[in-house]
């Protein structure tokens, strides 16, 4: 009988590929509606704790009517 390794180094995706589902996946499956099960990676706490990767370029999104309104600027200092 093969014993499981005492430690495991890998990603959550690799764990999801195994026959037994991790406890987190079982919990998410019970909370998330079945129609959203193909998108379970969106609900991963592990992935949510990481920032998205940096990109070499940024872009500007122009939104019409998104400029601040003209008005009086009030001082917020105590002076």
PDB file of N, CA and C in Angstrom:
ATOM      1  N   UNK A   1       0.843  -1.174   0.000  1.00  0.00           N
ATOM      2  CA  UNK A   1       0.000   0.000   0.000  1.00  0.00           C
ATOM      3  C   UNK A   1       0.891   1.240   0.000  1.00  0.00           C
ATOM      4  N   UNK A   2       0.681   2.130  -0.956  1.00  0.00           N
ATOM      5  CA  UNK A   2       1.468   3.353  -1.050  1.00  0.00           C
ATOM      6  C   UNK A   2       0.925   4.396  -0.084  1.00  0.00           C
ATOM      7  N   UNK A   3       1.827   4.991   0.673  1.00  0.00           N
ATOM      8  CA  UNK A   3       1.436   6.057   1.585  1.00  0.00           C
ATOM      9  C   UNK A   3       1.563   7.399   0.879  1.00  0.00           C
ATOM     10  N   UNK A   4       0.684   8.350   1.197  1.00  0.00           N
ATOM     11  CA  UNK A   4       0.787   9.670   0.573  1.00  0.00           C
ATOM     12  C   UNK A   4       2.040  10.381   1.074  1.00  0.00           C
ATOM     13  N   UNK A   5       2.576  11.313   0.295  1.00  0.00           N
ATOM     14  CA  UNK A   5       3.766  12.044   0.735  1.00  0.00           C
ATOM     15  C   UNK A   5       3.452  12.859   1.988  1.00  0.00           C
ATOM     16  N   UNK A   6       4.489  13.050   2.828  1.00  0.00           N
ATOM     17  CA  UNK A   6       4.279  13.789   4.071  1.00  0.00           C
ATOM     18  C   UNK A   6       4.098  15.273   3.822  1.00  0.00           C
ATOM     19  N   UNK A   7       4.590  15.762   2.715  1.00  0.00           N
ATOM     20  CA  UNK A   7       4.364  17.166   2.352  1.00  0.00           C
ATOM     21  C   UNK A   7       4.088  17.235   0.862  1.00  0.00           C
ATOM     22  N   UNK A   8       3.390  18.259   0.472  1.00  0.00           N
ATOM     23  CA  UNK A   8       3.018  18.406  -0.932  1.00  0.00           C
ATOM     24  C   UNK A   8       3.348  19.816  -1.377  1.00  0.00           C
ATOM     25  N   UNK A   9       4.088  19.930  -2.455  1.00  0.00           N
ATOM     26  CA  UNK A   9       4.423  21.236  -3.018  1.00  0.00           C
ATOM     27  C   UNK A   9       3.822  21.299  -4.414  1.00  0.00           C
ATOM     28  N   UNK A  10       2.866  22.159  -4.587  1.00  0.00           N
ATOM     29  CA  UNK A  10       2.219  22.278  -5.882  1.00  0.00           C
ATOM     30  C   UNK A  10       1.202  23.389  -5.847  1.00  0.00           C
ATOM     31  N   UNK A  11       0.387  23.438  -6.856  1.00  0.00           N
ATOM     32  CA  UNK A  11      -0.624  24.488  -6.940  1.00  0.00           C
ATOM     33  C   UNK A  11      -1.996  23.908  -6.635  1.00  0.00           C
ATOM     34  N   UNK A  12      -2.928  24.804  -6.397  1.00  0.00           N
ATOM     35  CA  UNK A  12      -4.302  24.386  -6.137  1.00  0.00           C
ATOM     36  C   UNK A  12      -4.881  23.687  -7.364  1.00  0.00           C
ATOM     37  N   UNK A  13      -4.482  24.153  -8.546  1.00  0.00           N
ATOM     38  CA  UNK A  13      -4.980  23.523  -9.772  1.00  0.00           C
ATOM     39  C   UNK A  13      -4.547  22.064  -9.845  1.00  0.00           C
ATOM     40  N   UNK A  14      -3.306  21.779  -9.420  1.00  0.00           N
ATOM     41  CA  UNK A  14      -2.846  20.397  -9.415  1.00  0.00           C
ATOM     42  C   UNK A  14      -3.647  19.571  -8.411  1.00  0.00           C
ATOM     43  N   UNK A  15      -3.978  20.183  -7.284  1.00  0.00           N
ATOM     44  CA  UNK A  15      -4.788  19.471  -6.301  1.00  0.00           C
ATOM     45  C   UNK A  15      -6.174  19.173  -6.845  1.00  0.00           C
ATOM     46  N   UNK A  16      -6.732  20.103  -7.597  1.00  0.00           N
ATOM     47  CA  UNK A  16      -8.060  19.904  -8.160  1.00  0.00           C
ATOM     48  C   UNK A  16      -8.064  18.777  -9.181  1.00  0.00           C
ATOM     49  N   UNK A  17      -6.924  18.521  -9.806  1.00  0.00           N
ATOM     50  CA  UNK A  17      -6.846  17.468 -10.805  1.00  0.00           C
ATOM     51  C   UNK A  17      -6.816  16.077 -10.173  1.00  0.00           C
ATOM     52  N   UNK A  18      -6.480  15.997  -8.892  1.00  0.00           N
ATOM     53  CA  UNK A  18      -6.421  14.704  -8.228  1.00  0.00           C
ATOM     54  C   UNK A  18      -7.832  14.150  -8.039  1.00  0.00           C
ATOM     55  N   UNK A  19      -7.892  12.862  -7.748  1.00  0.00           N
ATOM     56  CA  UNK A  19      -9.190  12.210  -7.601  1.00  0.00           C
ATOM     57  C   UNK A  19      -9.963  12.747  -6.401  1.00  0.00           C
ATOM     58  N   UNK A  20      -9.298  12.941  -5.287  1.00  0.00           N
ATOM     59  CA  UNK A  20      -9.969  13.461  -4.097  1.00  0.00           C
ATOM     60  C   UNK A  20      -9.940  14.983  -4.134  1.00  0.00           C
ATOM     61  N   UNK A  21     -11.087  15.590  -3.863  1.00  0.00           N
ATOM     62  CA  UNK A  21     -11.172  17.046  -3.877  1.00  0.00           C
ATOM     63  C   UNK A  21     -10.729  17.601  -2.532  1.00  0.00           C
ATOM     64  N   UNK A  22      -9.973  18.698  -2.527  1.00  0.00           N
ATOM     65  CA  UNK A  22      -9.594  19.321  -1.259  1.00  0.00           C
ATOM     66  C   UNK A  22     -10.828  19.844  -0.518  1.00  0.00           C
ATOM     67  N   UNK A  23     -10.689  20.024   0.777  1.00  0.00           N
ATOM     68  CA  UNK A  23     -11.813  20.480   1.606  1.00  0.00           C
ATOM     69  C   UNK A  23     -12.340  21.827   1.135  1.00  0.00           C
ATOM     70  N   UNK A  24     -11.426  22.728   0.691  1.00  0.00           N
ATOM     71  CA  UNK A  24     -11.861  24.050   0.219  1.00  0.00           C
ATOM     72  C   UNK A  24     -12.781  23.917  -0.987  1.00  0.00           C
ATOM     73  N   UNK A  25     -12.443  23.026  -1.901  1.00  0.00           N
ATOM     74  CA  UNK A  25     -13.263  22.836  -3.101  1.00  0.00           C
ATOM     75  C   UNK A  25     -14.624  22.271  -2.721  1.00  0.00           C
ATOM     76  N   UNK A  26     -14.651  21.347  -1.786  1.00  0.00           N
ATOM     77  CA  UNK A  26     -15.928  20.788  -1.341  1.00  0.00           C
ATOM     78  C   UNK A  26     -16.804  21.878  -0.730  1.00  0.00           C
ATOM     79  N   UNK A  27     -16.186  22.778   0.047  1.00  0.00           N
ATOM     80  CA  UNK A  27     -16.935  23.874   0.660  1.00  0.00           C
ATOM     81  C   UNK A  27     -17.459  24.822  -0.406  1.00  0.00           C
ATOM     82  N   UNK A  28     -16.610  25.173  -1.359  1.00  0.00           N
ATOM     83  CA  UNK A  28     -17.016  26.084  -2.432  1.00  0.00           C
ATOM     84  C   UNK A  28     -18.121  25.454  -3.263  1.00  0.00           C
ATOM     85  N   UNK A  29     -18.009  24.175  -3.550  1.00  0.00           N
ATOM     86  CA  UNK A  29     -19.040  23.488  -4.332  1.00  0.00           C
ATOM     87  C   UNK A  29     -20.396  23.546  -3.638  1.00  0.00           C
ATOM     88  N   UNK A  30     -20.397  23.496  -2.314  1.00  0.00           N
ATOM     89  CA  UNK A  30     -21.671  23.519  -1.597  1.00  0.00           C
ATOM     90  C   UNK A  30     -22.263  24.922  -1.510  1.00  0.00           C
ATOM     91  N   UNK A  31     -21.436  25.958  -1.668  1.00  0.00           N
ATOM     92  CA  UNK A  31     -21.906  27.337  -1.537  1.00  0.00           C
ATOM     93  C   UNK A  31     -22.253  27.951  -2.891  1.00  0.00           C
ATOM     94  N   UNK A  32     -21.466  27.640  -3.905  1.00  0.00           N
ATOM     95  CA  UNK A  32     -21.637  28.246  -5.227  1.00  0.00           C
ATOM     96  C   UNK A  32     -22.679  27.462  -6.023  1.00  0.00           C
ATOM     97  N   UNK A  33     -23.547  28.178  -6.702  1.00  0.00           N
ATOM     98  CA  UNK A  33     -24.576  27.535  -7.534  1.00  0.00           C
ATOM     99  C   UNK A  33     -23.914  26.698  -8.624  1.00  0.00           C
ATOM    100  N   UNK A  34     -24.536  25.591  -8.974  1.00  0.00           N
ATOM    101  CA  UNK A  34     -23.935  24.656  -9.929  1.00  0.00           C
ATOM    102  C   UNK A  34     -23.699  25.281 -11.299  1.00  0.00           C
ATOM    103  N   UNK A  35     -24.468  26.296 -11.650  1.00  0.00           N
ATOM    104  CA  UNK A  35     -24.280  26.941 -12.947  1.00  0.00           C
ATOM    105  C   UNK A  35     -22.912  27.640 -13.017  1.00  0.00           C
ATOM    106  N   UNK A  36     -22.339  27.992 -11.842  1.00  0.00           N
ATOM    107  CA  UNK A  36     -21.043  28.675 -11.801  1.00  0.00           C
ATOM    108  C   UNK A  36     -19.875  27.731 -11.529  1.00  0.00           C
ATOM    109  N   UNK A  37     -20.095  26.443 -11.435  1.00  0.00           N
ATOM    110  CA  UNK A  37     -19.023  25.496 -11.161  1.00  0.00           C
ATOM    111  C   UNK A  37     -17.908  25.519 -12.205  1.00  0.00           C
ATOM    112  N   UNK A  38     -18.171  25.796 -13.493  1.00  0.00           N
ATOM    113  CA  UNK A  38     -17.045  25.896 -14.436  1.00  0.00           C
ATOM    114  C   UNK A  38     -16.091  27.048 -14.109  1.00  0.00           C
ATOM    115  N   UNK A  39     -16.521  27.980 -13.278  1.00  0.00           N
ATOM    116  CA  UNK A  39     -15.713  29.157 -12.956  1.00  0.00           C
ATOM    117  C   UNK A  39     -15.230  29.122 -11.508  1.00  0.00           C
ATOM    118  N   UNK A  40     -15.026  27.951 -10.945  1.00  0.00           N
ATOM    119  CA  UNK A  40     -14.652  27.828  -9.539  1.00  0.00           C
ATOM    120  C   UNK A  40     -13.332  28.513  -9.213  1.00  0.00           C
ATOM    121  N   UNK A  41     -12.431  28.636 -10.179  1.00  0.00           N
ATOM    122  CA  UNK A  41     -11.151  29.286  -9.896  1.00  0.00           C
ATOM    123  C   UNK A  41     -11.345  30.741  -9.473  1.00  0.00           C
ATOM    124  N   UNK A  42     -12.446  31.360  -9.869  1.00  0.00           N
ATOM    125  CA  UNK A  42     -12.739  32.736  -9.476  1.00  0.00           C
ATOM    126  C   UNK A  42     -13.014  32.809  -7.975  1.00  0.00           C
ATOM    127  N   UNK A  43     -13.529  31.745  -7.388  1.00  0.00           N
ATOM    128  CA  UNK A  43     -13.903  31.732  -5.981  1.00  0.00           C
ATOM    129  C   UNK A  43     -12.795  31.206  -5.072  1.00  0.00           C
ATOM    130  N   UNK A  44     -11.621  30.972  -5.608  1.00  0.00           N
ATOM    131  CA  UNK A  44     -10.515  30.429  -4.831  1.00  0.00           C
ATOM    132  C   UNK A  44      -9.933  31.484  -3.899  1.00  0.00           C
ATOM    133  N   UNK A  45      -9.860  31.185  -2.599  1.00  0.00           N
ATOM    134  CA  UNK A  45      -9.258  32.109  -1.635  1.00  0.00           C
ATOM    135  C   UNK A  45      -7.762  32.248  -1.892  1.00  0.00           C
ATOM    136  N   UNK A  46      -7.123  31.171  -2.317  1.00  0.00           N
ATOM    137  CA  UNK A  46      -5.684  31.204  -2.587  1.00  0.00           C
ATOM    138  C   UNK A  46      -5.383  32.171  -3.728  1.00  0.00           C
ATOM    139  N   UNK A  47      -6.142  32.091  -4.806  1.00  0.00           N
ATOM    140  CA  UNK A  47      -5.918  32.994  -5.935  1.00  0.00           C
ATOM    141  C   UNK A  47      -6.322  34.422  -5.608  1.00  0.00           C
ATOM    142  N   UNK A  48      -7.298  34.602  -4.734  1.00  0.00           N
ATOM    143  CA  UNK A  48      -7.752  35.947  -4.374  1.00  0.00           C
ATOM    144  C   UNK A  48      -6.722  36.686  -3.531  1.00  0.00           C
ATOM    145  N   UNK A  49      -5.841  35.962  -2.862  1.00  0.00           N
ATOM    146  CA  UNK A  49      -4.826  36.593  -2.024  1.00  0.00           C
ATOM    147  C   UNK A  49      -3.643  37.117  -2.831  1.00  0.00           C
ATOM    148  N   UNK A  50      -3.551  36.775  -4.098  1.00  0.00           N
ATOM    149  CA  UNK A  50      -2.437  37.210  -4.940  1.00  0.00           C
ATOM    150  C   UNK A  50      -2.872  38.320  -5.876  1.00  0.00           C
ATOM    151  N   UNK A  51      -1.953  39.253  -6.124  1.00  0.00           N
ATOM    152  CA  UNK A  51      -2.229  40.319  -7.078  1.00  0.00           C
ATOM    153  C   UNK A  51      -2.080  39.795  -8.497  1.00  0.00           C
ATOM    154  N   UNK A  52      -2.752  40.406  -9.458  1.00  0.00           N
ATOM    155  CA  UNK A  52      -2.564  39.988 -10.843  1.00  0.00           C
ATOM    156  C   UNK A  52      -1.146  40.314 -11.298  1.00  0.00           C
ATOM    157  N   UNK A  53      -0.649  39.644 -12.320  1.00  0.00           N
ATOM    158  CA  UNK A  53       0.724  39.896 -12.785  1.00  0.00           C
ATOM    159  C   UNK A  53       0.866  41.294 -13.381  1.00  0.00           C
ATOM    160  N   UNK A  54       2.095  41.821 -13.302  1.00  0.00           N
ATOM    161  CA  UNK A  54       2.384  43.122 -13.905  1.00  0.00           C
ATOM    162  C   UNK A  54       2.483  42.970 -15.419  1.00  0.00           C
ATOM    163  N   UNK A  55       2.081  44.015 -16.123  1.00  0.00           N
ATOM    164  CA  UNK A  55       2.163  44.024 -17.570  1.00  0.00           C
ATOM    165  C   UNK A  55       3.125  45.115 -18.013  1.00  0.00           C
ATOM    166  N   UNK A  56       3.643  45.003 -19.219  1.00  0.00           N
ATOM    167  CA  UNK A  56       4.620  45.976 -19.706  1.00  0.00           C
ATOM    168  C   UNK A  56       3.965  47.273 -20.141  1.00  0.00           C
ATOM    169  N   UNK A  57       2.684  47.278 -20.366  1.00  0.00           N
ATOM    170  CA  UNK A  57       2.025  48.515 -20.785  1.00  0.00           C
ATOM    171  C   UNK A  57       0.732  48.700 -19.992  1.00  0.00           C
ATOM    172  N   UNK A  58       0.367  49.950 -19.816  1.00  0.00           N
ATOM    173  CA  UNK A  58      -0.890  50.294 -19.169  1.00  0.00           C
ATOM    174  C   UNK A  58      -1.772  50.978 -20.201  1.00  0.00           C
ATOM    175  N   UNK A  59      -3.020  51.050 -19.945  1.00  0.00           N
ATOM    176  CA  UNK A  59      -3.907  51.736 -20.878  1.00  0.00           C
ATOM    177  C   UNK A  59      -4.844  52.650 -20.098  1.00  0.00           C
ATOM    178  N   UNK A  60      -5.390  53.594 -20.786  1.00  0.00           N
ATOM    179  CA  UNK A  60      -6.285  54.573 -20.190  1.00  0.00           C
ATOM    180  C   UNK A  60      -7.689  54.311 -20.720  1.00  0.00           C
ATOM    181  N   UNK A  61      -8.645  54.262 -19.829  1.00  0.00           N
ATOM    182  CA  UNK A  61     -10.035  54.070 -20.229  1.00  0.00           C
ATOM    183  C   UNK A  61     -10.740  55.410 -20.090  1.00  0.00           C
ATOM    184  N   UNK A  62     -11.217  55.935 -21.197  1.00  0.00           N
ATOM    185  CA  UNK A  62     -11.914  57.215 -21.177  1.00  0.00           C
ATOM    186  C   UNK A  62     -13.403  56.952 -20.976  1.00  0.00           C
ATOM    187  N   UNK A  63     -13.935  57.513 -19.910  1.00  0.00           N
ATOM    188  CA  UNK A  63     -15.356  57.371 -19.622  1.00  0.00           C
ATOM    189  C   UNK A  63     -16.022  58.725 -19.782  1.00  0.00           C
ATOM    190  N   UNK A  64     -17.036  58.772 -20.607  1.00  0.00           N
ATOM    191  CA  UNK A  64     -17.739  60.032 -20.817  1.00  0.00           C
ATOM    192  C   UNK A  64     -18.477  60.427 -19.547  1.00  0.00           C
ATOM    193  N   UNK A  65     -18.396  61.698 -19.211  1.00  0.00           N
ATOM    194  CA  UNK A  65     -19.082  62.194 -18.025  1.00  0.00           C
ATOM    195  C   UNK A  65     -18.413  61.803 -16.724  1.00  0.00           C
ATOM    196  N   UNK A  66     -17.157  61.392 -16.790  1.00  0.00           N
ATOM    197  CA  UNK A  66     -16.490  60.945 -15.570  1.00  0.00           C
ATOM    198  C   UNK A  66     -15.597  62.010 -14.953  1.00  0.00           C
ATOM    199  N   UNK A  67     -15.567  63.209 -15.535  1.00  0.00           N
ATOM    200  CA  UNK A  67     -14.757  64.281 -14.973  1.00  0.00           C
ATOM    201  C   UNK A  67     -15.404  64.807 -13.702  1.00  0.00           C
ATOM    202  N   UNK A  68     -14.587  65.232 -12.736  1.00  0.00           N
ATOM    203  CA  UNK A  68     -15.174  65.778 -11.509  1.00  0.00           C
ATOM    204  C   UNK A  68     -15.915  67.074 -11.792  1.00  0.00           C
ATOM    205  N   UNK A  69     -16.931  67.325 -11.020  1.00  0.00           N
ATOM    206  CA  UNK A  69     -17.709  68.549 -11.203  1.00  0.00           C
ATOM    207  C   UNK A  69     -16.919  69.752 -10.704  1.00  0.00           C
ATOM    208  N   UNK A  70     -17.210  70.911 -11.259  1.00  0.00           N
ATOM    209  CA  UNK A  70     -16.547  72.142 -10.846  1.00  0.00           C
ATOM    210  C   UNK A  70     -17.224  72.639  -9.577  1.00  0.00           C
ATOM    211  N   UNK A  71     -16.419  72.950  -8.570  1.00  0.00           N
ATOM    212  CA  UNK A  71     -16.983  73.429  -7.314  1.00  0.00           C
ATOM    213  C   UNK A  71     -15.912  74.030  -6.442  1.00  0.00           C
ATOM    214  N   UNK A  72     -16.323  74.538  -5.299  1.00  0.00           N
ATOM    215  CA  UNK A  72     -15.407  75.161  -4.354  1.00  0.00           C
ATOM    216  C   UNK A  72     -14.573  74.081  -3.675  1.00  0.00           C
ATOM    217  N   UNK A  73     -13.260  74.332  -3.563  1.00  0.00           N
ATOM    218  CA  UNK A  73     -12.369  73.413  -2.871  1.00  0.00           C
ATOM    219  C   UNK A  73     -12.199  73.915  -1.446  1.00  0.00           C
ATOM    220  N   UNK A  74     -12.550  73.104  -0.487  1.00  0.00           N
ATOM    221  CA  UNK A  74     -12.470  73.484   0.918  1.00  0.00           C
ATOM    222  C   UNK A  74     -11.167  72.976   1.521  1.00  0.00           C
ATOM    223  N   UNK A  75     -10.560  73.780   2.363  1.00  0.00           N
ATOM    224  CA  UNK A  75      -9.341  73.392   3.053  1.00  0.00           C
ATOM    225  C   UNK A  75      -9.674  72.353   4.119  1.00  0.00           C
ATOM    226  N   UNK A  76      -8.875  71.315   4.195  1.00  0.00           N
ATOM    227  CA  UNK A  76      -9.096  70.267   5.180  1.00  0.00           C
ATOM    228  C   UNK A  76      -8.090  70.343   6.323  1.00  0.00           C
ATOM    229  N   UNK A  77      -7.159  71.308   6.265  1.00  0.00           N
ATOM    230  CA  UNK A  77      -6.150  71.418   7.316  1.00  0.00           C
ATOM    231  C   UNK A  77      -6.688  72.214   8.500  1.00  0.00           C
ATOM    232  N   UNK A  78      -6.008  72.127   9.632  1.00  0.00           N
ATOM    233  CA  UNK A  78      -6.407  72.855  10.837  1.00  0.00           C
ATOM    234  C   UNK A  78      -5.981  74.318  10.790  1.00  0.00           C
ATOM    235  N   UNK A  79      -5.144  74.702   9.863  1.00  0.00           N
ATOM    236  CA  UNK A  79      -4.633  76.082   9.783  1.00  0.00           C
ATOM    237  C   UNK A  79      -5.604  77.012   9.127  1.00  0.00           C
TER     238      UNK A  79
END
